[in-house]
Amino acid sequence: QVQLVESGGGLVQPGGSLRLSCAASTSIFSFNAMDLGWYRQAPGKERALVASINTAGIPYYTDSVKGRFTLSRENAKKTVYLQMNSLKPEDTAVYYCNVPLRGNNYWGRGTQVTVSS
């Protein structure tokens, strides 16, 4: 009912930047009425919330990314963006887009972010 496609991952050196995108498609629900989140999962670790944005456009960030990551949404394009600056090796993970909606959790397939010199 909601399909999410992430893009923008890749290999970047420490201190570099990447912008992730999550494009949503749905024939039933309104994108404007969706909260969206970005999670990440590093090898051997559990998937964890990185940032989220509500329908009013108000973002939340986990402490480890505050001041470095910026989350925004463009409702006309049904897309949410995660601008990641000052990347660190510990940011290396697969990043997933998430929509919690009516008791269900919708996930994308993820995009790999690798921060390494």
C-alpha atoms as a PDB file:
ATOM      1  CA  GLN A   1       0.000   0.000   0.000  1.00  0.00           C
ATOM      2  CA  VAL A   2       3.022   2.259   0.474  1.00  0.00           C
ATOM      3  CA  GLN A   3       6.189   1.709  -1.509  1.00  0.00           C
ATOM      4  CA  LEU A   4       9.406   3.427  -0.472  1.00  0.00           C
ATOM      5  CA  VAL A   5      12.547   3.675  -2.573  1.00  0.00           C
ATOM      6  CA  GLU A   6      15.778   5.009  -1.113  1.00  0.00           C
ATOM      7  CA  SER A   7      18.656   6.414  -3.121  1.00  0.00           C
ATOM      8  CA  GLY A   8      21.788   8.482  -2.695  1.00  0.00           C
ATOM      9  CA  GLY A   9      24.026   6.164  -0.718  1.00  0.00           C
ATOM     10  CA  GLY A  10      27.634   5.512  -1.555  1.00  0.00           C
ATOM     11  CA  LEU A  11      31.231   5.661  -0.415  1.00  0.00           C
ATOM     12  CA  VAL A  12      32.455   8.917   1.068  1.00  0.00           C
ATOM     13  CA  GLN A  13      35.530   9.997   2.997  1.00  0.00           C
ATOM     14  CA  PRO A  14      35.277  11.125   6.619  1.00  0.00           C
ATOM     15  CA  GLY A  15      34.103  14.706   6.768  1.00  0.00           C
ATOM     16  CA  GLY A  16      32.242  14.361   3.494  1.00  0.00           C
ATOM     17  CA  SER A  17      28.565  14.706   2.669  1.00  0.00           C
ATOM     18  CA  LEU A  18      25.784  12.683   1.112  1.00  0.00           C
ATOM     19  CA  ARG A  19      22.116  13.349   0.496  1.00  0.00           C
ATOM     20  CA  LEU A  20      19.735  10.446   0.772  1.00  0.00           C
ATOM     21  CA  SER A  21      16.310  10.513  -0.815  1.00  0.00           C
ATOM     22  CA  CYS A  22      13.237   8.447  -0.074  1.00  0.00           C
ATOM     23  CA  ALA A  23      10.488   8.514  -2.661  1.00  0.00           C
ATOM     24  CA  ALA A  24       7.082   7.247  -1.642  1.00  0.00           C
ATOM     25  CA  SER A  25       4.313   5.937  -3.818  1.00  0.00           C
ATOM     26  CA  THR A  26       0.818   5.062  -2.728  1.00  0.00           C
ATOM     27  CA  SER A  27      -2.522   4.870  -4.381  1.00  0.00           C
ATOM     28  CA  ILE A  28      -4.450   4.949  -1.125  1.00  0.00           C
ATOM     29  CA  PHE A  29      -2.882   7.303   1.380  1.00  0.00           C
ATOM     30  CA  SER A  30      -1.904  10.932   1.225  1.00  0.00           C
ATOM     31  CA  PHE A  31       1.832  11.563   1.529  1.00  0.00           C
ATOM     32  CA  ASN A  32       1.038  14.791   3.364  1.00  0.00           C
ATOM     33  CA  ALA A  33      -0.527  12.753   6.159  1.00  0.00           C
ATOM     34  CA  MET A  34       2.517  10.551   6.702  1.00  0.00           C
ATOM     35  CA  ASP A  35       5.199  10.768   9.310  1.00  0.00           C
ATOM     36  CA  LEU A  36       8.491   9.493   7.892  1.00  0.00           C
ATOM     37  CA  GLY A  37      11.697   8.287   9.430  1.00  0.00           C
ATOM     38  CA  TRP A  38      15.210   7.244   8.532  1.00  0.00           C
ATOM     39  CA  TYR A  39      16.741   4.282  10.330  1.00  0.00           C
ATOM     40  CA  ARG A  40      20.144   2.714   9.963  1.00  0.00           C
ATOM     41  CA  GLN A  41      21.614  -0.666  10.651  1.00  0.00           C
ATOM     42  CA  ALA A  42      25.316  -1.276  10.957  1.00  0.00           C
ATOM     43  CA  PRO A  43      26.787  -4.801  10.764  1.00  0.00           C
ATOM     44  CA  GLY A  44      26.117  -6.701  13.966  1.00  0.00           C
ATOM     45  CA  LYS A  45      23.866  -3.982  15.356  1.00  0.00           C
ATOM     46  CA  GLU A  46      20.146  -3.462  15.602  1.00  0.00           C
ATOM     47  CA  ARG A  47      18.295  -1.102  13.342  1.00  0.00           C
ATOM     48  CA  ALA A  48      17.999   2.288  15.036  1.00  0.00           C
ATOM     49  CA  LEU A  49      16.184   5.546  14.385  1.00  0.00           C
ATOM     50  CA  VAL A  50      18.339   8.324  12.956  1.00  0.00           C
ATOM     51  CA  ALA A  51      15.799  11.043  12.273  1.00  0.00           C
ATOM     52  CA  SER A  52      12.102  11.508  11.666  1.00  0.00           C
ATOM     53  CA  ILE A  53       9.797  14.198  10.406  1.00  0.00           C
ATOM     54  CA  ASN A  54       6.112  14.650  11.109  1.00  0.00           C
ATOM     55  CA  THR A  55       3.312  15.953   8.946  1.00  0.00           C
ATOM     56  CA  ALA A  56       3.975  19.512  10.133  1.00  0.00           C
ATOM     57  CA  GLY A  57       7.558  19.253   8.905  1.00  0.00           C
ATOM     58  CA  ILE A  58       9.042  19.220  12.392  1.00  0.00           C
ATOM     59  CA  PRO A  59      12.147  17.010  12.522  1.00  0.00           C
ATOM     60  CA  TYR A  60      13.585  14.885  15.283  1.00  0.00           C
ATOM     61  CA  TYR A  61      17.227  13.752  15.403  1.00  0.00           C
ATOM     62  CA  THR A  62      19.001  11.235  17.516  1.00  0.00           C
ATOM     63  CA  ASP A  63      21.791  12.811  19.528  1.00  0.00           C
ATOM     64  CA  SER A  64      24.630  11.312  17.507  1.00  0.00           C
ATOM     65  CA  VAL A  65      23.584  13.143  14.322  1.00  0.00           C
ATOM     66  CA  LYS A  66      22.331  16.461  15.692  1.00  0.00           C
ATOM     67  CA  GLY A  67      24.041  19.370  14.000  1.00  0.00           C
ATOM     68  CA  ARG A  68      25.294  17.164  11.148  1.00  0.00           C
ATOM     69  CA  PHE A  69      22.155  15.723   9.536  1.00  0.00           C
ATOM     70  CA  THR A  70      19.159  17.634   8.218  1.00  0.00           C
ATOM     71  CA  LEU A  71      15.853  16.015   7.355  1.00  0.00           C
ATOM     72  CA  SER A  72      13.336  17.674   5.085  1.00  0.00           C
ATOM     73  CA  ARG A  73      10.284  16.731   3.081  1.00  0.00           C
ATOM     74  CA  GLU A  74       8.911  17.856  -0.246  1.00  0.00           C
ATOM     75  CA  ASN A  75       5.265  16.874  -0.296  1.00  0.00           C
ATOM     76  CA  ALA A  76       4.704  17.775  -3.942  1.00  0.00           C
ATOM     77  CA  LYS A  77       7.314  15.190  -4.912  1.00  0.00           C
ATOM     78  CA  LYS A  78       6.346  12.711  -2.172  1.00  0.00           C
ATOM     79  CA  THR A  79       9.972  12.662  -1.170  1.00  0.00           C
ATOM     80  CA  VAL A  80      11.935  13.061   2.031  1.00  0.00           C
ATOM     81  CA  TYR A  81      15.610  14.009   2.079  1.00  0.00           C
ATOM     82  CA  LEU A  82      18.344  13.325   4.583  1.00  0.00           C
ATOM     83  CA  GLN A  83      21.290  15.665   4.139  1.00  0.00           C
ATOM     84  CA  MET A  84      24.285  14.191   5.923  1.00  0.00           C
ATOM     85  CA  ASN A  85      27.322  16.372   6.540  1.00  0.00           C
ATOM     86  CA  SER A  86      30.546  15.855   8.470  1.00  0.00           C
ATOM     87  CA  LEU A  87      30.189  12.128   8.053  1.00  0.00           C
ATOM     88  CA  LYS A  88      32.088   9.832  10.377  1.00  0.00           C
ATOM     89  CA  PRO A  89      33.120   6.190   9.995  1.00  0.00           C
ATOM     90  CA  GLU A  90      30.546   5.296  12.648  1.00  0.00           C
ATOM     91  CA  ASP A  91      27.816   6.534  10.305  1.00  0.00           C
ATOM     92  CA  THR A  92      28.527   3.559   8.073  1.00  0.00           C
ATOM     93  CA  ALA A  93      25.349   1.502   7.778  1.00  0.00           C
ATOM     94  CA  VAL A  94      22.449   0.588   5.570  1.00  0.00           C
ATOM     95  CA  TYR A  95      19.943   3.420   5.758  1.00  0.00           C
ATOM     96  CA  TYR A  96      16.235   2.615   5.569  1.00  0.00           C
ATOM     97  CA  CYS A  97      13.222   4.823   5.037  1.00  0.00           C
ATOM     98  CA  ASN A  98      10.189   4.079   7.196  1.00  0.00           C
ATOM     99  CA  VAL A  99       6.541   5.084   7.295  1.00  0.00           C
ATOM    100  CA  PRO A 100       4.428   4.102  10.293  1.00  0.00           C
ATOM    101  CA  LEU A 101       0.832   4.187   9.163  1.00  0.00           C
ATOM    102  CA  ARG A 102      -2.364   2.774  10.607  1.00  0.00           C
ATOM    103  CA  GLY A 103      -0.643   0.120  12.658  1.00  0.00           C
ATOM    104  CA  ASN A 104       1.708  -0.955   9.881  1.00  0.00           C
ATOM    105  CA  ASN A 105       5.360  -0.202   9.293  1.00  0.00           C
ATOM    106  CA  TYR A 106       6.429   0.266   5.704  1.00  0.00           C
ATOM    107  CA  TRP A 107      10.098  -0.019   4.814  1.00  0.00           C
ATOM    108  CA  GLY A 108      12.249   0.584   1.803  1.00  0.00           C
ATOM    109  CA  ARG A 109      14.992  -1.807   0.775  1.00  0.00           C
ATOM    110  CA  GLY A 110      17.737   0.434   2.072  1.00  0.00           C
ATOM    111  CA  THR A 111      20.768   2.217   0.692  1.00  0.00           C
ATOM    112  CA  GLN A 112      24.345   1.577   1.786  1.00  0.00           C
ATOM    113  CA  VAL A 113      26.392   4.425   3.220  1.00  0.00           C
ATOM    114  CA  THR A 114      30.077   3.752   3.757  1.00  0.00           C
ATOM    115  CA  VAL A 115      32.340   6.346   5.357  1.00  0.00           C
ATOM    116  CA  SER A 116      35.961   5.393   4.926  1.00  0.00           C
ATOM    117  CA  SER A 117      39.273   6.815   3.829  1.00  0.00           C
END
